[in-house]
N, C-alpha and C. Protein backbone atom coordinates (compact mmCIF):
# COMPACT_ATOMS: atom_id res chain seq x y z
N MET A 1 1.00 -1.21 -0.21
CA MET A 1 0.02 -0.11 0.22
C MET A 1 0.67 1.34 0.11
N SER A 2 0.40 1.92 -0.71
CA SER A 2 1.11 3.69 -1.27
C SER A 2 1.33 4.07 0.05
N ILE A 3 2.34 5.18 0.34
CA ILE A 3 2.16 6.20 1.95
C ILE A 3 0.75 6.95 1.53
N SER A 4 0.42 7.40 0.34
CA SER A 4 -0.34 8.03 -0.06
C SER A 4 -1.48 7.73 0.64
N ARG A 5 -2.06 6.28 0.52
CA ARG A 5 -3.59 5.78 0.78
C ARG A 5 -3.42 5.73 2.32
N ILE A 6 -2.25 5.49 2.58
CA ILE A 6 -1.94 5.44 4.60
C ILE A 6 -2.62 6.61 4.93
N GLY A 7 -1.59 7.68 4.64
CA GLY A 7 -2.11 8.99 4.91
C GLY A 7 -3.52 9.12 5.13
N MET A 8 -4.38 8.97 3.66
CA MET A 8 -5.66 9.56 3.82
C MET A 8 -6.48 8.22 4.45
N ARG A 9 -6.34 7.02 4.89
CA ARG A 9 -6.70 6.23 5.59
C ARG A 9 -6.49 6.55 7.19
N THR A 10 -5.53 7.38 7.07
CA THR A 10 -5.41 7.61 8.65
C THR A 10 -5.86 8.99 8.95
N ALA A 11 -6.51 10.13 7.91
CA ALA A 11 -7.18 11.06 7.83
C ALA A 11 -8.59 10.98 8.41
N VAL A 12 -8.90 10.04 7.57
CA VAL A 12 -10.17 9.60 7.45
C VAL A 12 -10.57 9.26 8.91
N THR A 13 -9.48 7.81 9.32
CA THR A 13 -10.26 7.55 10.91
C THR A 13 -10.18 8.72 11.68
N ALA A 14 -9.59 9.57 11.72
CA ALA A 14 -9.26 10.74 12.65
C ALA A 14 -10.76 11.50 12.56
N ALA A 15 -10.87 11.70 11.77
CA ALA A 15 -12.23 12.35 11.45
C ALA A 15 -13.16 11.99 12.02
N ALA A 16 -13.19 10.62 11.85
CA ALA A 16 -14.08 9.62 12.25
C ALA A 16 -14.49 9.52 13.66
N LEU A 17 -12.99 9.44 14.32
CA LEU A 17 -13.30 9.65 15.82
C LEU A 17 -13.17 10.85 16.49
N VAL A 18 -13.23 12.23 15.70
CA VAL A 18 -13.87 13.24 15.94
C VAL A 18 -14.85 13.43 15.92
N THR A 19 -15.64 12.90 15.06
CA THR A 19 -17.14 12.83 15.12
C THR A 19 -17.69 12.29 16.20
N LEU A 20 -17.60 10.99 16.05
CA LEU A 20 -18.09 9.97 17.49
C LEU A 20 -17.68 10.91 19.00
N GLY A 21 -15.83 11.48 19.18
CA GLY A 21 -15.87 12.34 20.12
C GLY A 21 -16.78 13.55 20.56
N MET A 22 -17.44 14.30 19.23
CA MET A 22 -18.46 15.33 19.24
C MET A 22 -19.77 14.97 19.82
N SER A 23 -19.84 13.27 19.09
CA SER A 23 -21.29 12.79 19.44
C SER A 23 -21.59 12.16 20.76
N ALA A 24 -20.51 11.81 21.34
CA ALA A 24 -20.31 11.18 22.69
C ALA A 24 -20.43 12.41 23.62
N CYS A 25 -19.77 14.03 23.69
CA CYS A 25 -20.00 14.48 24.56
C CYS A 25 -21.35 14.87 24.39
N ASP A 26 -22.25 15.18 23.10
CA ASP A 26 -23.55 16.04 22.96
C ASP A 26 -24.30 15.22 23.53
N MET A 27 -23.73 13.78 24.12
CA MET A 27 -25.06 12.74 24.75
C MET A 27 -24.79 12.71 26.59
N MET A 28 -23.48 13.19 26.62
CA MET A 28 -22.99 13.29 28.11
C MET A 28 -23.84 14.52 29.00
N PRO A 29 -24.05 14.25 29.96
CA PRO A 29 -25.06 15.20 30.78
C PRO A 29 -24.26 16.44 31.02
N THR A 30 -24.82 17.63 31.16
CA THR A 30 -24.51 18.82 31.35
C THR A 30 -23.98 19.47 32.73
N THR A 31 -23.65 20.14 32.60
CA THR A 31 -23.31 20.94 33.94
C THR A 31 -24.44 20.86 35.14
N SER A 32 -24.31 21.49 36.36
CA SER A 32 -25.58 21.72 37.16
C SER A 32 -26.46 22.86 36.83
N SER A 33 -26.17 23.72 35.49
CA SER A 33 -27.36 24.37 34.80
C SER A 33 -28.52 23.66 34.26
N SER A 34 -28.20 22.52 34.17
CA SER A 34 -28.80 22.04 33.26
C SER A 34 -29.90 21.45 34.52
N GLY A 35 -31.48 20.96 33.67
CA GLY A 35 -32.47 19.90 34.70
C GLY A 35 -33.21 21.43 35.12
N PRO A 36 -34.27 20.86 35.72
CA PRO A 36 -35.23 21.93 36.12
C PRO A 36 -34.93 22.69 37.00
N SER A 37 -35.47 24.06 37.07
CA SER A 37 -34.85 25.20 37.83
C SER A 37 -36.11 26.08 38.61
N PHE A 38 -37.41 25.27 38.35
CA PHE A 38 -38.50 25.62 38.87
C PHE A 38 -39.50 24.25 38.87
N PHE A 39 -40.21 24.37 39.95
CA PHE A 39 -41.35 23.60 39.70
C PHE A 39 -42.07 24.01 41.18
N VAL A 40 -43.24 23.05 41.44
CA VAL A 40 -44.28 23.33 42.29
C VAL A 40 -43.89 22.37 43.43
N THR A 41 -44.25 22.05 44.34
CA THR A 41 -44.07 21.03 45.46
C THR A 41 -45.28 20.33 45.62
N SER A 42 -45.09 19.11 45.13
CA SER A 42 -46.21 18.03 44.85
C SER A 42 -47.20 18.04 46.12
N VAL A 43 -46.35 18.28 47.35
CA VAL A 43 -46.89 17.96 49.14
C VAL A 43 -46.71 19.51 49.66
N GLY A 44 -47.62 19.84 50.38
CA GLY A 44 -47.39 20.16 51.68
C GLY A 44 -46.63 20.15 52.79
N SER A 45 -46.16 20.93 53.39
CA SER A 45 -45.20 20.58 54.95
C SER A 45 -46.32 19.87 55.71
N GLY A 46 -47.66 20.01 55.62
CA GLY A 46 -48.71 19.38 56.56
C GLY A 46 -48.77 20.61 57.60
N LYS A 47 -48.02 21.12 57.37
CA LYS A 47 -48.47 22.17 58.91
C LYS A 47 -49.12 23.46 58.57
N GLY A 48 -49.45 23.31 57.43
CA GLY A 48 -50.07 24.45 56.78
C GLY A 48 -49.43 25.76 56.64
N ALA A 49 -49.38 26.76 56.51
CA ALA A 49 -48.66 28.14 56.28
C ALA A 49 -47.55 28.12 57.23
N ASP A 50 -47.44 27.32 58.48
CA ASP A 50 -46.11 27.12 59.18
C ASP A 50 -44.98 26.55 58.71
N LEU A 51 -43.98 27.30 57.87
CA LEU A 51 -43.15 26.64 56.95
C LEU A 51 -41.61 26.85 57.74
N GLY A 52 -41.71 27.58 58.95
CA GLY A 52 -40.58 27.63 59.66
C GLY A 52 -39.77 28.84 59.12
N GLY A 53 -40.62 29.65 58.91
CA GLY A 53 -39.99 30.64 58.23
C GLY A 53 -39.36 30.95 56.73
N LEU A 54 -38.90 31.90 56.11
CA LEU A 54 -38.18 31.91 54.76
C LEU A 54 -37.05 30.37 54.92
N ALA A 55 -36.37 30.70 55.92
CA ALA A 55 -35.32 29.56 55.79
C ALA A 55 -35.87 28.31 55.62
N GLY A 56 -37.01 27.76 56.61
CA GLY A 56 -37.76 26.59 56.49
C GLY A 56 -38.42 26.25 54.91
N ALA A 57 -38.80 27.31 54.74
CA ALA A 57 -39.53 27.36 53.26
C ALA A 57 -38.46 26.61 52.10
N ASP A 58 -37.26 27.31 51.82
CA ASP A 58 -36.02 26.83 51.51
C ASP A 58 -35.38 25.44 51.32
N GLN A 59 -35.33 25.11 52.65
CA GLN A 59 -35.03 23.71 53.08
C GLN A 59 -35.68 22.80 52.57
N TYR A 60 -37.29 23.32 52.92
CA TYR A 60 -38.28 21.93 51.99
C TYR A 60 -37.59 22.14 50.68
N CYS A 61 -37.98 23.29 49.65
CA CYS A 61 -37.79 23.34 48.41
C CYS A 61 -36.79 22.50 48.31
N GLN A 62 -35.60 22.53 49.07
CA GLN A 62 -33.94 22.01 48.52
C GLN A 62 -34.42 20.45 48.87
N ALA A 63 -34.94 19.89 49.88
CA ALA A 63 -34.99 18.77 50.17
C ALA A 63 -36.21 18.23 49.15
N LEU A 64 -37.02 18.66 48.71
CA LEU A 64 -37.95 18.10 47.89
C LEU A 64 -37.02 17.86 46.43
N ALA A 65 -36.61 18.92 45.99
CA ALA A 65 -35.65 18.84 44.87
C ALA A 65 -34.57 17.51 45.03
N ALA A 66 -33.70 17.73 45.95
CA ALA A 66 -32.72 16.91 46.06
C ALA A 66 -33.47 15.29 45.79
N ALA A 67 -34.41 14.60 46.61
CA ALA A 67 -35.23 13.48 46.16
C ALA A 67 -35.76 13.21 44.80
N ALA A 68 -35.87 14.49 44.22
CA ALA A 68 -36.24 14.17 42.77
C ALA A 68 -35.30 14.02 41.73
N GLY A 69 -33.71 14.29 42.42
CA GLY A 69 -32.82 14.55 41.68
C GLY A 69 -32.09 15.54 40.96
N ALA A 70 -32.82 16.52 41.52
CA ALA A 70 -32.17 18.08 40.91
C ALA A 70 -31.54 18.60 42.06
N SER A 71 -30.63 17.74 42.72
CA SER A 71 -29.73 18.69 43.76
C SER A 71 -29.06 19.46 42.75
N GLY A 72 -27.55 20.05 43.64
CA GLY A 72 -26.77 20.83 43.06
C GLY A 72 -27.06 22.23 42.55
N LYS A 73 -28.33 22.69 43.26
CA LYS A 73 -28.26 23.72 42.92
C LYS A 73 -29.25 24.80 44.34
N THR A 74 -29.31 26.00 44.18
CA THR A 74 -29.63 26.52 45.62
C THR A 74 -31.12 27.19 45.08
N TRP A 75 -31.84 26.30 45.90
CA TRP A 75 -33.65 26.37 45.99
C TRP A 75 -34.00 27.28 46.62
N HIS A 76 -35.20 27.94 46.13
CA HIS A 76 -35.62 29.01 46.99
C HIS A 76 -36.79 28.91 47.28
N ALA A 77 -37.54 29.23 48.37
CA ALA A 77 -39.14 29.21 47.97
C ALA A 77 -39.60 30.72 47.30
N TYR A 78 -40.52 30.83 46.66
CA TYR A 78 -41.23 32.29 46.23
C TYR A 78 -42.17 32.42 47.06
N LEU A 79 -41.44 33.24 48.21
CA LEU A 79 -42.41 33.77 49.63
C LEU A 79 -41.71 35.13 49.66
N SER A 80 -42.68 36.09 50.06
CA SER A 80 -42.42 37.69 50.47
C SER A 80 -42.41 37.65 51.86
N THR A 81 -41.88 38.16 52.69
CA THR A 81 -42.28 38.74 54.18
C THR A 81 -42.79 39.75 54.49
N SER A 82 -43.36 40.22 55.20
CA SER A 82 -43.90 41.46 55.94
C SER A 82 -42.33 42.07 56.83
N ALA A 83 -41.94 43.44 56.83
CA ALA A 83 -41.21 43.88 57.98
C ALA A 83 -42.04 43.72 59.36
N ALA A 84 -41.02 43.22 60.15
CA ALA A 84 -41.40 42.73 61.48
C ALA A 84 -40.22 42.66 62.18
N ASP A 85 -40.22 42.93 62.96
CA ASP A 85 -39.24 42.97 64.55
C ASP A 85 -37.79 43.41 64.17
N GLY A 86 -37.77 44.90 63.51
CA GLY A 86 -36.49 46.07 63.05
C GLY A 86 -36.33 44.88 62.18
N LYS A 87 -36.79 44.25 61.06
CA LYS A 87 -36.23 43.72 59.93
C LYS A 87 -37.26 43.96 59.09
N PRO A 88 -36.67 44.46 57.51
CA PRO A 88 -37.36 44.91 56.54
C PRO A 88 -38.14 43.84 56.04
N ALA A 89 -38.86 44.27 54.89
CA ALA A 89 -39.85 43.00 54.29
C ALA A 89 -38.85 42.59 53.18
N VAL A 90 -39.49 41.39 52.80
CA VAL A 90 -38.52 40.81 51.76
C VAL A 90 -39.63 40.02 50.58
N ASN A 91 -39.01 40.50 49.62
CA ASN A 91 -39.76 40.42 47.90
C ASN A 91 -39.59 39.04 47.34
N ALA A 92 -40.52 38.19 47.37
CA ALA A 92 -40.44 36.85 46.76
C ALA A 92 -39.46 37.06 45.56
N ARG A 93 -39.69 38.12 44.52
CA ARG A 93 -38.88 38.69 43.38
C ARG A 93 -37.45 38.49 43.24
N ASP A 94 -37.38 38.71 44.37
CA ASP A 94 -35.84 39.08 44.86
C ASP A 94 -34.56 38.23 45.37
N ARG A 95 -35.92 36.67 45.63
CA ARG A 95 -35.05 35.65 46.18
C ARG A 95 -34.75 34.45 45.26
N ILE A 96 -35.15 34.50 43.86
CA ILE A 96 -34.88 33.58 43.09
C ILE A 96 -34.03 33.83 41.63
N GLY A 97 -33.05 34.48 41.87
CA GLY A 97 -32.16 34.64 40.87
C GLY A 97 -32.88 35.54 39.59
N LYS A 98 -31.69 35.10 38.54
CA LYS A 98 -32.20 35.73 37.70
C LYS A 98 -32.83 34.82 36.17
N GLY A 99 -33.19 33.99 36.70
CA GLY A 99 -33.50 33.08 35.24
C GLY A 99 -32.38 32.58 34.08
N PRO A 100 -32.96 32.29 33.12
CA PRO A 100 -34.40 31.52 32.70
C PRO A 100 -34.59 30.43 33.88
N TRP A 101 -35.99 30.00 33.72
CA TRP A 101 -36.45 29.04 34.63
C TRP A 101 -36.96 28.18 33.82
N ARG A 102 -36.84 26.81 33.83
CA ARG A 102 -37.44 25.69 33.13
C ARG A 102 -38.11 24.60 34.17
N ASN A 103 -39.32 24.36 33.57
CA ASN A 103 -39.97 22.90 34.41
C ASN A 103 -39.18 21.67 34.37
N VAL A 104 -39.70 20.62 34.90
CA VAL A 104 -39.02 19.39 34.78
C VAL A 104 -39.46 19.15 33.02
N LYS A 105 -39.87 19.22 32.44
CA LYS A 105 -39.78 18.77 31.13
C LYS A 105 -38.83 19.62 30.28
N GLY A 106 -38.46 20.71 30.76
CA GLY A 106 -37.54 21.42 30.43
C GLY A 106 -37.99 22.52 29.12
N GLU A 107 -39.63 22.93 29.80
CA GLU A 107 -39.95 23.63 28.95
C GLU A 107 -39.84 25.18 29.98
N VAL A 108 -39.18 26.48 29.08
CA VAL A 108 -39.31 27.85 29.63
C VAL A 108 -40.79 28.70 30.41
N ILE A 109 -40.91 28.75 31.48
CA ILE A 109 -41.65 29.38 32.12
C ILE A 109 -41.57 30.95 32.11
N ALA A 110 -40.50 31.01 32.23
CA ALA A 110 -39.68 32.43 31.88
C ALA A 110 -38.39 32.89 31.75
N ASN A 111 -37.92 33.68 30.88
CA ASN A 111 -36.50 33.95 31.09
C ASN A 111 -36.11 34.61 31.64
N ASP A 112 -36.69 35.45 32.47
CA ASP A 112 -36.46 36.58 33.41
C ASP A 112 -37.48 37.10 34.34
N VAL A 113 -36.89 37.74 35.55
CA VAL A 113 -37.76 38.45 36.34
C VAL A 113 -38.95 39.23 35.98
N ALA A 114 -38.72 39.87 35.01
CA ALA A 114 -39.39 40.96 34.44
C ALA A 114 -40.42 40.24 33.68
N GLU A 115 -40.20 39.02 32.94
CA GLU A 115 -40.78 37.90 32.05
C GLU A 115 -42.03 37.15 33.10
N LEU A 116 -41.26 36.98 33.91
CA LEU A 116 -41.92 36.32 34.91
C LEU A 116 -43.36 36.81 35.72
N HIS A 117 -42.92 38.29 35.86
CA HIS A 117 -43.90 38.76 36.65
C HIS A 117 -45.01 39.65 35.39
N GLY A 118 -44.81 39.37 33.98
CA GLY A 118 -45.29 39.88 32.95
C GLY A 118 -46.37 38.72 32.01
N ASN A 119 -45.43 38.61 31.13
CA ASN A 119 -46.18 37.45 30.06
C ASN A 119 -45.71 36.30 30.23
N ASN A 120 -45.47 36.17 31.41
CA ASN A 120 -44.59 34.42 31.16
C ASN A 120 -45.89 33.23 30.91
N LYS A 121 -45.20 31.69 30.76
CA LYS A 121 -45.65 30.80 30.16
C LYS A 121 -46.22 29.86 31.19
N LEU A 122 -46.49 30.45 32.62
CA LEU A 122 -47.24 29.14 33.51
C LEU A 122 -48.26 29.28 32.87
N THR A 123 -49.05 27.77 33.23
CA THR A 123 -50.17 27.43 32.99
C THR A 123 -50.63 26.29 33.65
N LYS A 124 -51.75 25.63 33.90
CA LYS A 124 -51.67 24.28 34.20
C LYS A 124 -50.96 23.21 33.93
N GLN A 125 -50.91 23.21 32.66
CA GLN A 125 -49.83 22.28 32.18
C GLN A 125 -48.20 22.53 32.16
N THR A 126 -47.63 23.60 32.49
CA THR A 126 -46.46 23.67 32.59
C THR A 126 -45.96 24.05 33.81
N ALA A 127 -46.80 24.34 34.83
CA ALA A 127 -46.82 24.67 36.64
C ALA A 127 -46.91 23.26 37.01
N LEU A 128 -45.29 22.60 36.92
CA LEU A 128 -45.55 21.25 37.38
C LEU A 128 -44.46 20.92 38.60
N THR A 129 -44.96 19.85 39.12
CA THR A 129 -44.46 19.08 40.57
C THR A 129 -42.84 18.77 40.32
N GLU A 130 -42.17 18.85 41.37
CA GLU A 130 -40.73 18.12 41.00
C GLU A 130 -40.90 16.42 40.64
N LYS A 131 -42.12 16.18 40.71
CA LYS A 131 -42.33 14.89 39.92
C LYS A 131 -42.56 15.09 38.63
N GLY A 132 -42.90 15.95 38.15
CA GLY A 132 -43.41 16.32 36.76
C GLY A 132 -44.56 15.68 36.79
N THR A 133 -45.53 15.89 37.63
CA THR A 133 -47.47 15.63 37.55
C THR A 133 -47.88 17.33 37.63
N VAL A 134 -49.08 17.34 37.15
CA VAL A 134 -49.80 18.46 37.12
C VAL A 134 -50.69 18.69 38.49
N VAL A 135 -50.68 19.85 38.62
CA VAL A 135 -51.27 20.32 40.19
C VAL A 135 -52.83 20.36 39.78
N ASN A 136 -53.77 19.95 40.57
CA ASN A 136 -55.13 19.72 40.40
C ASN A 136 -55.46 21.26 40.15
N GLY A 137 -56.23 21.52 39.49
CA GLY A 137 -56.90 22.91 39.61
C GLY A 137 -58.41 23.35 39.62
N ARG A 138 -59.05 24.30 39.09
CA ARG A 138 -60.52 24.15 39.35
C ARG A 138 -60.91 22.92 38.61
N GLY A 139 -62.02 22.55 39.42
CA GLY A 139 -62.88 21.40 38.47
C GLY A 139 -62.16 20.03 38.60
N ASP A 140 -61.23 19.86 39.29
CA ASP A 140 -60.47 19.07 39.88
C ASP A 140 -60.84 18.60 41.44
N THR A 141 -60.79 17.14 41.78
CA THR A 141 -60.85 16.56 43.09
C THR A 141 -59.64 15.95 43.69
N PRO A 142 -59.35 16.79 44.91
CA PRO A 142 -59.30 17.92 45.23
C PRO A 142 -58.79 19.33 44.81
N ASN A 143 -59.19 20.47 44.34
CA ASN A 143 -58.57 21.20 43.94
C ASN A 143 -57.73 22.20 44.96
N THR A 144 -56.08 21.83 44.20
CA THR A 144 -55.00 22.46 45.21
C THR A 144 -54.22 23.43 44.23
N HIS A 145 -55.08 24.27 43.61
CA HIS A 145 -54.25 25.42 43.11
C HIS A 145 -53.84 26.68 43.46
N ASP A 146 -54.49 26.46 45.17
CA ASP A 146 -53.92 27.60 45.54
C ASP A 146 -53.00 27.84 46.42
N ILE A 147 -51.41 28.47 45.55
CA ILE A 147 -50.19 28.28 46.00
C ILE A 147 -49.76 29.21 46.78
N LEU A 148 -48.97 29.05 48.35
CA LEU A 148 -48.52 29.93 49.29
C LEU A 148 -47.64 31.27 48.40
N THR A 149 -47.80 32.46 48.40
CA THR A 149 -46.91 33.53 48.19
C THR A 149 -46.18 34.30 48.49
N GLY A 150 -47.70 35.33 49.75
CA GLY A 150 -47.46 36.20 50.42
C GLY A 150 -47.11 37.30 49.88
N SER A 151 -47.62 37.94 47.95
CA SER A 151 -46.77 38.57 47.52
C SER A 151 -47.89 39.16 46.22
N GLN A 152 -47.61 40.51 46.23
CA GLN A 152 -48.24 41.12 45.00
C GLN A 152 -48.13 40.72 43.78
N ALA A 153 -48.73 41.31 43.19
CA ALA A 153 -48.59 40.75 41.40
C ALA A 153 -47.21 40.94 40.57
N ASP A 154 -46.45 41.88 41.44
CA ASP A 154 -45.14 42.48 41.31
C ASP A 154 -44.33 41.54 41.67
N GLY A 155 -44.50 40.98 42.39
CA GLY A 155 -43.35 40.15 43.12
C GLY A 155 -43.12 40.55 44.60
N THR A 156 -43.68 41.93 45.38
CA THR A 156 -43.34 42.57 46.09
C THR A 156 -43.88 42.09 47.15
N ALA A 157 -43.71 42.41 48.46
CA ALA A 157 -44.21 42.19 49.61
C ALA A 157 -45.50 43.17 50.11
N PHE A 158 -46.52 42.73 50.97
CA PHE A 158 -47.67 44.11 51.28
C PHE A 158 -47.04 44.94 52.25
N ALA A 159 -47.68 45.82 51.95
CA ALA A 159 -46.79 47.14 52.92
C ALA A 159 -47.84 47.42 53.94
N GLY A 160 -48.24 47.99 54.96
CA GLY A 160 -48.73 48.12 55.66
C GLY A 160 -49.00 46.92 56.79
N SER A 161 -50.03 46.93 57.96
CA SER A 161 -50.05 46.25 58.98
C SER A 161 -50.76 45.20 58.77
N GLU A 162 -51.19 44.98 57.78
CA GLU A 162 -52.52 43.56 57.52
C GLU A 162 -51.63 42.32 57.05
N ASP A 163 -51.59 41.83 57.49
CA ASP A 163 -50.85 40.02 57.43
C ASP A 163 -51.11 39.32 56.71
N ARG A 164 -50.50 39.28 55.32
CA ARG A 164 -50.47 38.13 53.94
C ARG A 164 -49.87 37.47 54.07
N THR A 165 -48.94 37.01 55.05
CA THR A 165 -47.75 35.76 55.26
C THR A 165 -48.42 34.83 56.63
N CYS A 166 -49.25 35.17 56.91
CA CYS A 166 -49.65 33.69 58.12
C CYS A 166 -48.15 34.45 59.24
N GLY A 167 -48.20 35.50 59.71
CA GLY A 167 -46.58 35.87 60.56
C GLY A 167 -45.60 35.17 59.66
N ASN A 168 -45.58 36.00 58.89
CA ASN A 168 -43.77 35.76 57.86
C ASN A 168 -43.85 33.72 57.62
N TRP A 169 -44.76 33.20 57.82
CA TRP A 169 -44.60 31.54 57.32
C TRP A 169 -44.04 30.68 58.72
N THR A 170 -44.83 31.43 59.72
CA THR A 170 -44.78 30.77 61.01
C THR A 170 -46.04 30.19 62.31
N LYS A 171 -47.48 30.74 61.09
CA LYS A 171 -48.61 30.56 62.04
C LYS A 171 -49.04 29.27 61.04
N SER A 172 -49.91 28.77 61.83
CA SER A 172 -50.71 27.35 61.23
C SER A 172 -52.03 27.75 62.24
N GLY A 173 -52.58 28.69 62.65
CA GLY A 173 -53.82 28.70 62.79
C GLY A 173 -54.60 30.75 62.57
N ALA A 174 -54.84 31.19 63.00
CA ALA A 174 -55.43 31.97 63.01
C ALA A 174 -54.43 33.02 61.99
N GLY A 175 -55.03 33.80 60.97
CA GLY A 175 -54.39 34.30 60.10
C GLY A 175 -54.59 34.32 58.63
N SER A 176 -54.27 35.00 58.04
CA SER A 176 -54.36 34.37 56.27
C SER A 176 -53.04 34.87 55.62
N ALA A 177 -52.72 34.31 54.20
CA ALA A 177 -51.68 34.45 53.35
C ALA A 177 -52.29 34.09 52.02
N MET A 178 -51.51 35.25 51.29
CA MET A 178 -52.01 35.92 49.74
C MET A 178 -51.65 34.55 49.37
N VAL A 179 -52.12 34.09 48.09
CA VAL A 179 -52.06 32.97 47.50
C VAL A 179 -51.78 33.20 45.95
N GLY A 180 -51.53 32.73 44.85
CA GLY A 180 -51.71 32.15 43.22
C GLY A 180 -52.29 31.15 43.32
N HIS A 181 -53.19 31.30 41.89
CA HIS A 181 -53.55 30.25 41.07
C HIS A 181 -52.94 29.43 40.48
N SER A 182 -52.13 28.33 40.31
CA SER A 182 -50.99 27.69 39.45
C SER A 182 -51.50 27.40 38.08
N ASP A 183 -52.98 26.94 37.68
CA ASP A 183 -53.61 27.20 36.57
C ASP A 183 -54.34 28.29 36.08
N ARG A 184 -53.59 29.25 36.90
CA ARG A 184 -54.16 30.41 36.24
C ARG A 184 -55.50 30.28 35.94
N THR A 185 -56.61 29.99 36.97
CA THR A 185 -58.19 30.07 36.56
C THR A 185 -58.62 30.67 37.91
N GLY A 186 -59.75 31.29 37.79
CA GLY A 186 -60.78 31.24 39.11
C GLY A 186 -62.20 31.05 39.29
N LEU A 187 -63.13 32.14 39.91
CA LEU A 187 -63.93 32.12 39.62
C LEU A 187 -64.52 33.24 39.07
N ASP A 188 -63.99 33.91 38.02
CA ASP A 188 -64.37 34.74 36.81
C ASP A 188 -62.81 34.74 35.99
N GLU A 189 -63.20 36.20 35.13
CA GLU A 189 -61.70 36.33 34.24
C GLU A 189 -61.48 37.87 34.56
N SER A 190 -61.05 37.84 35.92
CA SER A 190 -60.62 39.17 36.41
C SER A 190 -59.15 39.21 36.41
N ALA A 191 -58.39 39.59 36.57
CA ALA A 191 -56.88 39.27 36.39
C ALA A 191 -56.44 38.48 37.62
N PRO A 192 -56.68 39.00 38.98
CA PRO A 192 -56.61 38.27 40.12
C PRO A 192 -57.00 36.83 40.19
N ALA A 193 -58.49 36.65 39.47
CA ALA A 193 -58.63 35.33 39.40
C ALA A 193 -57.58 34.30 38.46
N LYS A 194 -57.24 34.81 37.68
CA LYS A 194 -55.81 34.42 36.47
C LYS A 194 -54.74 34.48 36.90
N SER A 195 -54.04 35.49 38.13
CA SER A 195 -53.31 35.13 38.87
C SER A 195 -52.08 34.18 39.08
N TRP A 196 -50.95 33.91 38.83
CA TRP A 196 -50.32 32.99 39.22
C TRP A 196 -49.94 32.97 40.65
N ASN A 197 -49.48 34.40 41.09
CA ASN A 197 -48.98 34.58 42.58
C ASN A 197 -49.51 35.69 43.16
N SER A 198 -50.79 35.90 42.68
CA SER A 198 -51.34 37.14 43.73
C SER A 198 -53.06 37.01 43.39
N SER A 199 -53.74 36.04 44.15
CA SER A 199 -55.13 35.79 43.68
C SER A 199 -56.31 36.19 44.99
N HIS A 200 -56.05 35.92 45.83
CA HIS A 200 -56.74 36.05 46.99
C HIS A 200 -56.34 35.42 48.38
N PRO A 201 -56.26 36.13 49.52
CA PRO A 201 -56.35 35.74 50.69
C PRO A 201 -56.85 34.49 50.82
N SER A 202 -55.99 33.54 51.83
CA SER A 202 -56.57 32.32 52.17
C SER A 202 -57.50 32.34 53.31
N ARG A 203 -58.05 31.61 53.64
CA ARG A 203 -59.36 31.93 55.08
C ARG A 203 -58.33 31.76 56.24
N GLY A 204 -57.43 31.17 56.35
CA GLY A 204 -56.76 31.12 57.60
C GLY A 204 -55.33 30.29 57.26
N CYS A 205 -54.63 29.97 58.31
CA CYS A 205 -53.05 29.72 57.66
C CYS A 205 -52.96 28.15 58.52
N SER A 206 -53.74 26.97 59.12
CA SER A 206 -54.17 25.94 59.08
C SER A 206 -54.06 25.21 58.21
N GLN A 207 -53.52 23.83 58.00
CA GLN A 207 -53.73 22.95 56.81
C GLN A 207 -55.13 22.69 56.76
N PRO A 208 -56.15 22.87 57.53
CA PRO A 208 -57.63 22.74 57.10
C PRO A 208 -57.84 23.89 56.63
N ASP A 209 -57.50 24.94 56.76
CA ASP A 209 -57.93 26.21 56.51
C ASP A 209 -57.83 26.16 55.00
N LEU A 210 -56.27 26.08 54.46
CA LEU A 210 -55.51 26.13 53.25
C LEU A 210 -56.24 25.19 52.41
N VAL A 211 -56.89 23.79 52.51
CA VAL A 211 -57.19 22.86 52.02
C VAL A 211 -58.87 23.24 51.69
N GLY A 212 -59.47 24.14 52.72
CA GLY A 212 -60.76 24.53 52.36
C GLY A 212 -61.39 25.90 51.72
N THR A 213 -59.93 26.51 51.43
CA THR A 213 -59.94 27.87 50.42
C THR A 213 -59.45 27.23 48.65
N GLY A 214 -58.85 26.02 48.52
CA GLY A 214 -58.80 25.49 47.32
C GLY A 214 -57.32 25.59 47.14
N GLY A 215 -56.43 24.85 48.35
CA GLY A 215 -54.87 24.66 48.23
C GLY A 215 -54.86 23.29 48.95
N ALA A 216 -53.11 23.18 49.34
CA ALA A 216 -52.88 22.19 49.82
C ALA A 216 -51.71 22.47 50.84
N GLY A 217 -51.43 23.58 51.06
CA GLY A 217 -50.02 24.28 51.29
C GLY A 217 -48.83 24.32 50.62
N LEU A 218 -49.05 24.27 48.87
CA LEU A 218 -47.89 24.22 48.33
C LEU A 218 -47.19 25.37 48.20
N LEU A 219 -45.93 25.30 47.53
CA LEU A 219 -45.08 26.24 47.48
C LEU A 219 -44.69 26.70 45.87
N TYR A 220 -44.12 27.62 45.34
CA TYR A 220 -43.62 27.81 43.83
C TYR A 220 -41.91 27.86 44.71
N CYS A 221 -40.70 26.69 44.07
CA CYS A 221 -39.54 26.72 44.11
C CYS A 221 -38.66 27.02 42.98
N PHE A 222 -37.95 27.89 42.77
CA PHE A 222 -37.04 28.29 42.05
C PHE A 222 -35.42 27.98 42.30
N ALA A 223 -34.72 27.71 41.58
CA ALA A 223 -33.17 27.76 41.51
C ALA A 223 -33.13 28.99 41.15
N ALA A 224 -32.04 29.60 42.59
CA ALA A 224 -31.35 30.98 42.70
C ALA A 224 -30.14 30.99 41.77
N ASN A 225 -29.70 29.79 41.61
CA ASN A 225 -28.53 30.33 40.74
C ASN A 225 -28.21 29.26 39.71
């Protein structure tokens, strides 16, 4: 065999190996930026709106994410808190990173904070749990579309003395928390009825109260990094 033919075969083999290498890389798992970066909790804590404050709520999101194989990220609950005990209010929109955020199917629900609080892609079909299941909405039994947020439509905390956070997520009795509708459906066609994060106050803070309103103490969880 001539040297020229050997050279040609070597070149072809090298090119094939490069192609195979590229294909293998394409199929390898990506970095921690891959995978879901948003989910609705599949179950409530069982203590109503007493989540142990923001820290406890974040830990709950982290635990559910880890159980679903979505660890390696810093998960925060989409919750606002009111100013109290010398501490300033906390806005839910400021705790969830910059986006984009994807559900467990890889569907982008919002590219950034502005889109999330504007023309986002949250619907009953895209607001999925960490397990990839659809949250029961209006017309389902039981209806669990009330998601705890304590927030106004723009993702900020409520001002004034009126409690909309069940004592900054430490109460499971008397009180009230603002909720949103994960299925974007309510009693009418008004903006609050269709709001994912600021639809109406709950009837109380206990688990039975939240269930009676149309919820189960569920949360929105976002990867903040």
